[in-house]
Protein backbone atom coordinates (compact mmCIF):
# COMPACT_ATOMS: atom_id res chain seq x y z
CA MET A 1 90.38 -24.03 3.87
CA GLU A 2 89.18 -22.03 0.27
CA ASP A 3 86.48 -25.21 0.28
CA HIS A 4 85.30 -24.48 3.57
CA LEU A 5 84.76 -20.92 3.29
CA VAL A 6 82.28 -21.27 -0.25
CA ASN A 7 80.71 -24.80 2.18
CA GLN A 8 79.40 -21.57 4.82
CA VAL A 9 78.90 -18.92 2.45
CA ARG A 10 76.36 -21.09 0.56
CA HIS A 11 75.03 -22.23 4.03
CA LEU A 12 73.86 -18.75 4.57
CA ARG A 13 73.63 -17.70 1.54
CA GLU A 14 71.33 -20.22 0.59
CA VAL A 15 69.85 -22.19 3.08
CA GLU A 16 69.01 -18.68 5.80
CA GLY A 17 69.16 -16.42 2.88
CA LEU A 18 70.97 -13.59 4.09
CA SER A 19 72.55 -11.42 1.99
CA ILE A 20 76.16 -10.44 0.39
CA ARG A 21 76.82 -7.95 3.40
CA GLN A 22 75.34 -9.87 6.14
CA THR A 23 77.21 -13.60 5.02
CA ALA A 24 80.17 -11.20 4.72
CA ASP A 25 79.72 -10.02 8.49
CA ALA A 26 78.64 -13.40 9.72
CA LEU A 27 82.95 -14.80 8.15
CA GLY A 28 84.41 -11.70 9.44
CA LEU A 29 85.49 -11.87 5.72
CA SER A 30 84.98 -8.84 3.01
CA ARG A 31 82.27 -7.91 1.14
CA LYS A 32 84.75 -8.39 -2.33
CA LYS A 33 85.83 -12.20 -1.40
CA THR A 34 81.98 -13.03 -0.09
CA THR A 35 81.31 -12.31 -3.72
CA ARG A 36 84.81 -13.33 -5.35
CA LEU A 37 83.19 -16.64 -3.36
CA ILE A 38 79.87 -16.49 -4.03
CA LYS A 39 80.64 -16.75 -8.44
CA GLU A 40 83.86 -19.37 -7.91
CA GLY A 41 81.08 -21.67 -6.25
CA GLY A 42 78.12 -21.03 -8.28
CA ILE A 43 76.39 -20.06 -5.52
CA VAL A 44 72.40 -19.42 -6.11
CA ARG A 45 70.09 -17.38 -4.16
CA LYS A 46 66.34 -18.28 -3.76
CA LYS A 47 64.57 -15.25 -5.11
CA ARG A 48 62.69 -13.75 -2.88
CA LYS A 49 59.13 -14.31 -2.46
CA ARG A 50 57.13 -10.46 -4.07
CA ILE A 51 55.34 -9.24 -1.65
CA LEU A 52 52.04 -9.09 -2.86
CA GLU A 53 53.01 -11.99 -4.70
CA ASP A 54 49.90 -13.53 -3.16
CA TYR A 55 47.40 -10.64 -3.38
CA ALA A 56 47.96 -10.73 -7.01
CA ARG A 57 45.42 -12.76 -8.15
CA TRP A 58 42.79 -10.67 -5.45
CA GLY A 59 43.36 -7.36 -8.02
CA ASP A 60 42.47 -9.89 -11.00
CA LEU A 61 39.63 -10.85 -9.73
CA PHE A 62 38.94 -7.28 -8.19
CA LEU A 63 39.68 -5.66 -12.09
CA TYR A 64 36.84 -8.35 -13.47
CA GLY A 65 34.70 -6.97 -11.16
CA LEU A 66 35.20 -3.72 -11.58
CA THR A 67 35.05 -3.84 -15.38
CA ALA A 68 32.11 -6.09 -15.15
CA LEU A 69 30.15 -3.26 -12.85
CA VAL A 70 30.93 -0.43 -15.25
CA ILE A 71 30.25 -2.87 -18.24
CA ALA A 72 26.62 -2.96 -15.96
CA GLY A 73 25.89 0.60 -15.37
CA MET A 74 26.41 1.58 -18.90
CA ALA A 75 23.40 -1.24 -19.88
CA VAL A 76 21.25 0.21 -17.12
CA ALA A 77 22.30 3.44 -18.55
CA LEU A 78 21.74 2.47 -21.87
CA PHE A 79 18.18 0.67 -21.12
CA ARG A 80 17.12 4.13 -19.56
CA LYS A 81 17.83 5.96 -22.41
CA LEU A 82 16.05 3.89 -24.41
CA ARG A 83 12.04 3.66 -22.41
């Protein structure tokens, strides 16, 4: 019985990505029992992808471009002073 429950919990957590609360509700178990089954079964949930992870490179490019603009602006100001 326990092995069957562990397999069901594993499927809901690893494949469907449900939370402990959602898993417990789907199987009609308490959250405490669900947590115990997760620990006993060695069930690991995939890490969630951060919302802005796809855009991290754009942030780096923006900062690089902004830095280049600031340096260019400083160079122009220095050039004007030296004229």
